[in-house]
């Protein structure tokens, strides 16, 4: 059975065979659906609750919870 993951930045489902994983030095796995999410999260350090194109837009604390649980 194929497992469907959720993007750590925007909250969308990641279909099998797409997206990318980023593993931090402490072993935390971050999953991203696109390079757009990867760049906004890690390189630009943006907050997904302030971007209208994310599912987490306007939800206070949602991004913090998603990032802390690693997926």
PDB file of N, CA and C in Angstrom:
ATOM      1  N   UNK A   1       0.839  -1.178   0.000  1.00  0.00           N
ATOM      2  CA  UNK A   1       0.000   0.000   0.000  1.00  0.00           C
ATOM      3  C   UNK A   1       0.887   1.245   0.000  1.00  0.00           C
ATOM      4  N   UNK A   2       0.527   2.196  -0.809  1.00  0.00           N
ATOM      5  CA  UNK A   2       1.301   3.420  -0.949  1.00  0.00           C
ATOM      6  C   UNK A   2       0.835   4.432   0.086  1.00  0.00           C
ATOM      7  N   UNK A   3       1.799   5.087   0.712  1.00  0.00           N
ATOM      8  CA  UNK A   3       1.478   6.071   1.738  1.00  0.00           C
ATOM      9  C   UNK A   3       1.514   7.473   1.141  1.00  0.00           C
ATOM     10  N   UNK A   4       0.519   8.270   1.471  1.00  0.00           N
ATOM     11  CA  UNK A   4       0.455   9.650   1.002  1.00  0.00           C
ATOM     12  C   UNK A   4       0.848  10.554   2.165  1.00  0.00           C
ATOM     13  N   UNK A   5       1.850  11.413   1.939  1.00  0.00           N
ATOM     14  CA  UNK A   5       2.337  12.315   2.972  1.00  0.00           C
ATOM     15  C   UNK A   5       1.747  13.704   2.782  1.00  0.00           C
ATOM     16  N   UNK A   6       1.935  14.553   3.790  1.00  0.00           N
ATOM     17  CA  UNK A   6       1.458  15.933   3.751  1.00  0.00           C
ATOM     18  C   UNK A   6       2.661  16.860   3.735  1.00  0.00           C
ATOM     19  N   UNK A   7       2.588  17.893   2.917  1.00  0.00           N
ATOM     20  CA  UNK A   7       3.669  18.869   2.812  1.00  0.00           C
ATOM     21  C   UNK A   7       3.809  19.620   4.135  1.00  0.00           C
ATOM     22  N   UNK A   8       5.039  19.751   4.615  1.00  0.00           N
ATOM     23  CA  UNK A   8       5.286  20.436   5.878  1.00  0.00           C
ATOM     24  C   UNK A   8       5.065  21.939   5.789  1.00  0.00           C
ATOM     25  N   UNK A   9       5.034  22.481   4.599  1.00  0.00           N
ATOM     26  CA  UNK A   9       4.876  23.930   4.474  1.00  0.00           C
ATOM     27  C   UNK A   9       3.444  24.333   4.129  1.00  0.00           C
ATOM     28  N   UNK A  10       2.907  23.814   3.036  1.00  0.00           N
ATOM     29  CA  UNK A  10       1.595  24.290   2.588  1.00  0.00           C
ATOM     30  C   UNK A  10       0.433  23.430   3.075  1.00  0.00           C
ATOM     31  N   UNK A  11       0.691  22.186   3.482  1.00  0.00           N
ATOM     32  CA  UNK A  11      -0.367  21.335   3.998  1.00  0.00           C
ATOM     33  C   UNK A  11      -1.067  20.477   2.951  1.00  0.00           C
ATOM     34  N   UNK A  12      -0.638  20.541   1.688  1.00  0.00           N
ATOM     35  CA  UNK A  12      -1.245  19.722   0.639  1.00  0.00           C
ATOM     36  C   UNK A  12      -0.696  18.300   0.689  1.00  0.00           C
ATOM     37  N   UNK A  13      -1.459  17.365   0.123  1.00  0.00           N
ATOM     38  CA  UNK A  13      -1.008  15.977   0.048  1.00  0.00           C
ATOM     39  C   UNK A  13       0.076  15.847  -1.015  1.00  0.00           C
ATOM     40  N   UNK A  14       1.058  14.992  -0.745  1.00  0.00           N
ATOM     41  CA  UNK A  14       2.131  14.722  -1.697  1.00  0.00           C
ATOM     42  C   UNK A  14       1.850  13.367  -2.328  1.00  0.00           C
ATOM     43  N   UNK A  15       1.641  13.355  -3.619  1.00  0.00           N
ATOM     44  CA  UNK A  15       1.360  12.117  -4.331  1.00  0.00           C
ATOM     45  C   UNK A  15       2.631  11.278  -4.446  1.00  0.00           C
ATOM     46  N   UNK A  16       2.512   9.962  -4.470  1.00  0.00           N
ATOM     47  CA  UNK A  16       3.683   9.087  -4.590  1.00  0.00           C
ATOM     48  C   UNK A  16       4.494   9.401  -5.847  1.00  0.00           C
ATOM     49  N   UNK A  17       5.807   9.462  -5.682  1.00  0.00           N
ATOM     50  CA  UNK A  17       6.694   9.737  -6.801  1.00  0.00           C
ATOM     51  C   UNK A  17       6.947  11.207  -7.051  1.00  0.00           C
ATOM     52  N   UNK A  18       6.366  12.077  -6.236  1.00  0.00           N
ATOM     53  CA  UNK A  18       6.567  13.514  -6.399  1.00  0.00           C
ATOM     54  C   UNK A  18       7.091  14.106  -5.105  1.00  0.00           C
ATOM     55  N   UNK A  19       7.482  15.356  -5.144  1.00  0.00           N
ATOM     56  CA  UNK A  19       7.945  16.056  -3.952  1.00  0.00           C
ATOM     57  C   UNK A  19       9.373  15.713  -3.586  1.00  0.00           C
ATOM     58  N   UNK A  20       9.800  16.232  -2.436  1.00  0.00           N
ATOM     59  CA  UNK A  20      11.159  15.956  -1.966  1.00  0.00           C
ATOM     60  C   UNK A  20      11.188  15.897  -0.448  1.00  0.00           C
ATOM     61  N   UNK A  21      12.156  15.171   0.056  1.00  0.00           N
ATOM     62  CA  UNK A  21      12.376  15.065   1.491  1.00  0.00           C
ATOM     63  C   UNK A  21      13.649  15.801   1.840  1.00  0.00           C
ATOM     64  N   UNK A  22      13.637  16.459   2.996  1.00  0.00           N
ATOM     65  CA  UNK A  22      14.823  17.145   3.498  1.00  0.00           C
ATOM     66  C   UNK A  22      15.065  16.625   4.905  1.00  0.00           C
ATOM     67  N   UNK A  23      16.249  16.082   5.149  1.00  0.00           N
ATOM     68  CA  UNK A  23      16.576  15.522   6.463  1.00  0.00           C
ATOM     69  C   UNK A  23      17.575  16.436   7.144  1.00  0.00           C
ATOM     70  N   UNK A  24      17.193  16.949   8.308  1.00  0.00           N
ATOM     71  CA  UNK A  24      18.077  17.829   9.068  1.00  0.00           C
ATOM     72  C   UNK A  24      19.122  16.999   9.808  1.00  0.00           C
ATOM     73  N   UNK A  25      20.135  17.673  10.337  1.00  0.00           N
ATOM     74  CA  UNK A  25      21.213  16.981  11.048  1.00  0.00           C
ATOM     75  C   UNK A  25      20.723  16.250  12.297  1.00  0.00           C
ATOM     76  N   UNK A  26      19.629  16.723  12.891  1.00  0.00           N
ATOM     77  CA  UNK A  26      19.103  16.066  14.088  1.00  0.00           C
ATOM     78  C   UNK A  26      18.186  14.883  13.753  1.00  0.00           C
ATOM     79  N   UNK A  27      18.003  14.587  12.459  1.00  0.00           N
ATOM     80  CA  UNK A  27      17.187  13.453  12.047  1.00  0.00           C
ATOM     81  C   UNK A  27      15.747  13.797  11.726  1.00  0.00           C
ATOM     82  N   UNK A  28      15.356  15.049  11.848  1.00  0.00           N
ATOM     83  CA  UNK A  28      14.001  15.472  11.532  1.00  0.00           C
ATOM     84  C   UNK A  28      13.791  15.419  10.020  1.00  0.00           C
ATOM     85  N   UNK A  29      12.701  14.803   9.599  1.00  0.00           N
ATOM     86  CA  UNK A  29      12.396  14.702   8.177  1.00  0.00           C
ATOM     87  C   UNK A  29      11.323  15.727   7.830  1.00  0.00           C
ATOM     88  N   UNK A  30      11.630  16.585   6.857  1.00  0.00           N
ATOM     89  CA  UNK A  30      10.675  17.563   6.350  1.00  0.00           C
ATOM     90  C   UNK A  30      10.304  17.155   4.934  1.00  0.00           C
ATOM     91  N   UNK A  31       9.014  17.106   4.648  1.00  0.00           N
ATOM     92  CA  UNK A  31       8.539  16.698   3.326  1.00  0.00           C
ATOM     93  C   UNK A  31       7.903  17.897   2.631  1.00  0.00           C
ATOM     94  N   UNK A  32       8.277  18.114   1.372  1.00  0.00           N
ATOM     95  CA  UNK A  32       7.765  19.243   0.608  1.00  0.00           C
ATOM     96  C   UNK A  32       7.179  18.746  -0.702  1.00  0.00           C
ATOM     97  N   UNK A  33       6.058  19.353  -1.120  1.00  0.00           N
ATOM     98  CA  UNK A  33       5.384  18.933  -2.352  1.00  0.00           C
ATOM     99  C   UNK A  33       6.021  19.541  -3.588  1.00  0.00           C
ATOM    100  N   UNK A  34       6.726  20.665  -3.435  1.00  0.00           N
ATOM    101  CA  UNK A  34       7.314  21.332  -4.595  1.00  0.00           C
ATOM    102  C   UNK A  34       8.546  22.122  -4.176  1.00  0.00           C
ATOM    103  N   UNK A  35       9.290  22.570  -5.180  1.00  0.00           N
ATOM    104  CA  UNK A  35      10.456  23.405  -4.891  1.00  0.00           C
ATOM    105  C   UNK A  35      10.016  24.759  -4.352  1.00  0.00           C
ATOM    106  N   UNK A  36       8.812  25.179  -4.699  1.00  0.00           N
ATOM    107  CA  UNK A  36       8.258  26.435  -4.184  1.00  0.00           C
ATOM    108  C   UNK A  36       8.129  26.368  -2.662  1.00  0.00           C
ATOM    109  N   UNK A  37       7.600  25.279  -2.148  1.00  0.00           N
ATOM    110  CA  UNK A  37       7.453  25.105  -0.701  1.00  0.00           C
ATOM    111  C   UNK A  37       8.814  24.967  -0.027  1.00  0.00           C
ATOM    112  N   UNK A  38       9.719  24.224  -0.653  1.00  0.00           N
ATOM    113  CA  UNK A  38      11.060  24.030  -0.111  1.00  0.00           C
ATOM    114  C   UNK A  38      11.781  25.361   0.048  1.00  0.00           C
ATOM    115  N   UNK A  39      11.753  26.181  -0.987  1.00  0.00           N
ATOM    116  CA  UNK A  39      12.443  27.471  -0.957  1.00  0.00           C
ATOM    117  C   UNK A  39      11.817  28.427   0.047  1.00  0.00           C
ATOM    118  N   UNK A  40      10.479  28.473   0.100  1.00  0.00           N
ATOM    119  CA  UNK A  40       9.811  29.372   1.028  1.00  0.00           C
ATOM    120  C   UNK A  40      10.061  28.982   2.477  1.00  0.00           C
ATOM    121  N   UNK A  41      10.146  27.695   2.754  1.00  0.00           N
ATOM    122  CA  UNK A  41      10.337  27.233   4.129  1.00  0.00           C
ATOM    123  C   UNK A  41      11.777  27.373   4.600  1.00  0.00           C
ATOM    124  N   UNK A  42      12.717  26.838   3.834  1.00  0.00           N
ATOM    125  CA  UNK A  42      14.095  26.752   4.308  1.00  0.00           C
ATOM    126  C   UNK A  42      14.978  27.909   3.863  1.00  0.00           C
ATOM    127  N   UNK A  43      14.915  28.278   2.614  1.00  0.00           N
ATOM    128  CA  UNK A  43      15.812  29.318   2.120  1.00  0.00           C
ATOM    129  C   UNK A  43      15.330  30.719   2.468  1.00  0.00           C
ATOM    130  N   UNK A  44      14.010  30.950   2.389  1.00  0.00           N
ATOM    131  CA  UNK A  44      13.472  32.282   2.648  1.00  0.00           C
ATOM    132  C   UNK A  44      12.914  32.433   4.063  1.00  0.00           C
ATOM    133  N   UNK A  45      12.663  31.327   4.747  1.00  0.00           N
ATOM    134  CA  UNK A  45      12.196  31.356   6.130  1.00  0.00           C
ATOM    135  C   UNK A  45      10.832  31.991   6.319  1.00  0.00           C
ATOM    136  N   UNK A  46       9.929  31.780   5.381  1.00  0.00           N
ATOM    137  CA  UNK A  46       8.604  32.400   5.451  1.00  0.00           C
ATOM    138  C   UNK A  46       7.649  31.597   6.328  1.00  0.00           C
ATOM    139  N   UNK A  47       6.633  32.304   6.822  1.00  0.00           N
ATOM    140  CA  UNK A  47       5.606  31.710   7.669  1.00  0.00           C
ATOM    141  C   UNK A  47       4.421  31.308   6.790  1.00  0.00           C
ATOM    142  N   UNK A  48       4.043  30.023   6.750  1.00  0.00           N
ATOM    143  CA  UNK A  48       2.945  29.599   5.875  1.00  0.00           C
ATOM    144  C   UNK A  48       1.582  30.161   6.266  1.00  0.00           C
ATOM    145  N   UNK A  49       1.425  30.629   7.487  1.00  0.00           N
ATOM    146  CA  UNK A  49       0.141  31.199   7.892  1.00  0.00           C
ATOM    147  C   UNK A  49      -0.071  32.591   7.317  1.00  0.00           C
ATOM    148  N   UNK A  50       0.967  33.175   6.712  1.00  0.00           N
ATOM    149  CA  UNK A  50       0.855  34.517   6.133  1.00  0.00           C
ATOM    150  C   UNK A  50       0.804  34.503   4.604  1.00  0.00           C
ATOM    151  N   UNK A  51       0.802  33.323   4.003  1.00  0.00           N
ATOM    152  CA  UNK A  51       0.768  33.203   2.546  1.00  0.00           C
ATOM    153  C   UNK A  51      -0.579  32.635   2.113  1.00  0.00           C
ATOM    154  N   UNK A  52      -1.273  33.349   1.243  1.00  0.00           N
ATOM    155  CA  UNK A  52      -2.631  32.980   0.855  1.00  0.00           C
ATOM    156  C   UNK A  52      -2.728  31.661   0.097  1.00  0.00           C
ATOM    157  N   UNK A  53      -1.667  31.237  -0.565  1.00  0.00           N
ATOM    158  CA  UNK A  53      -1.734  30.021  -1.373  1.00  0.00           C
ATOM    159  C   UNK A  53      -1.563  28.741  -0.560  1.00  0.00           C
ATOM    160  N   UNK A  54      -1.298  28.841   0.748  1.00  0.00           N
ATOM    161  CA  UNK A  54      -1.163  27.645   1.579  1.00  0.00           C
ATOM    162  C   UNK A  54      -2.484  27.306   2.254  1.00  0.00           C
ATOM    163  N   UNK A  55      -2.640  26.047   2.630  1.00  0.00           N
ATOM    164  CA  UNK A  55      -3.842  25.638   3.357  1.00  0.00           C
ATOM    165  C   UNK A  55      -3.821  26.142   4.800  1.00  0.00           C
ATOM    166  N   UNK A  56      -2.642  26.504   5.282  1.00  0.00           N
ATOM    167  CA  UNK A  56      -2.495  26.953   6.662  1.00  0.00           C
ATOM    168  C   UNK A  56      -2.714  28.450   6.818  1.00  0.00           C
ATOM    169  N   UNK A  57      -3.080  29.142   5.736  1.00  0.00           N
ATOM    170  CA  UNK A  57      -3.258  30.593   5.759  1.00  0.00           C
ATOM    171  C   UNK A  57      -4.305  30.990   6.800  1.00  0.00           C
ATOM    172  N   UNK A  58      -3.927  31.885   7.689  1.00  0.00           N
ATOM    173  CA  UNK A  58      -4.841  32.418   8.688  1.00  0.00           C
ATOM    174  C   UNK A  58      -5.017  31.561   9.927  1.00  0.00           C
ATOM    175  N   UNK A  59      -4.449  30.364   9.957  1.00  0.00           N
ATOM    176  CA  UNK A  59      -4.597  29.491  11.118  1.00  0.00           C
ATOM    177  C   UNK A  59      -3.412  29.696  12.048  1.00  0.00           C
ATOM    178  N   UNK A  60      -3.635  30.345  13.150  1.00  0.00           N
ATOM    179  CA  UNK A  60      -2.551  30.621  14.095  1.00  0.00           C
ATOM    180  C   UNK A  60      -2.115  29.340  14.787  1.00  0.00           C
ATOM    181  N   UNK A  61      -0.823  29.122  14.820  1.00  0.00           N
ATOM    182  CA  UNK A  61      -0.265  27.962  15.494  1.00  0.00           C
ATOM    183  C   UNK A  61      -0.239  26.700  14.658  1.00  0.00           C
ATOM    184  N   UNK A  62      -0.914  26.691  13.519  1.00  0.00           N
ATOM    185  CA  UNK A  62      -0.966  25.483  12.688  1.00  0.00           C
ATOM    186  C   UNK A  62       0.402  25.134  12.125  1.00  0.00           C
ATOM    187  N   UNK A  63       1.137  26.124  11.692  1.00  0.00           N
ATOM    188  CA  UNK A  63       2.459  25.871  11.109  1.00  0.00           C
ATOM    189  C   UNK A  63       3.423  25.368  12.172  1.00  0.00           C
ATOM    190  N   UNK A  64       3.331  25.925  13.348  1.00  0.00           N
ATOM    191  CA  UNK A  64       4.212  25.515  14.438  1.00  0.00           C
ATOM    192  C   UNK A  64       3.972  24.050  14.786  1.00  0.00           C
ATOM    193  N   UNK A  65       2.731  23.641  14.820  1.00  0.00           N
ATOM    194  CA  UNK A  65       2.383  22.260  15.139  1.00  0.00           C
ATOM    195  C   UNK A  65       2.866  21.327  14.033  1.00  0.00           C
ATOM    196  N   UNK A  66       2.651  21.714  12.779  1.00  0.00           N
ATOM    197  CA  UNK A  66       3.063  20.889  11.646  1.00  0.00           C
ATOM    198  C   UNK A  66       4.572  20.717  11.610  1.00  0.00           C
ATOM    199  N   UNK A  67       5.322  21.789  11.815  1.00  0.00           N
ATOM    200  CA  UNK A  67       6.775  21.713  11.762  1.00  0.00           C
ATOM    201  C   UNK A  67       7.340  20.941  12.955  1.00  0.00           C
ATOM    202  N   UNK A  68       6.702  21.038  14.120  1.00  0.00           N
ATOM    203  CA  UNK A  68       7.229  20.362  15.306  1.00  0.00           C
ATOM    204  C   UNK A  68       7.030  18.848  15.246  1.00  0.00           C
ATOM    205  N   UNK A  69       5.949  18.400  14.619  1.00  0.00           N
ATOM    206  CA  UNK A  69       5.720  16.958  14.557  1.00  0.00           C
ATOM    207  C   UNK A  69       6.426  16.313  13.379  1.00  0.00           C
ATOM    208  N   UNK A  70       6.995  17.121  12.484  1.00  0.00           N
ATOM    209  CA  UNK A  70       7.793  16.586  11.393  1.00  0.00           C
ATOM    210  C   UNK A  70       7.006  15.974  10.263  1.00  0.00           C
ATOM    211  N   UNK A  71       5.754  16.304  10.131  1.00  0.00           N
ATOM    212  CA  UNK A  71       5.016  15.749   9.000  1.00  0.00           C
ATOM    213  C   UNK A  71       3.609  15.805   9.195  1.00  0.00           C
TER     214      UNK A  71
END
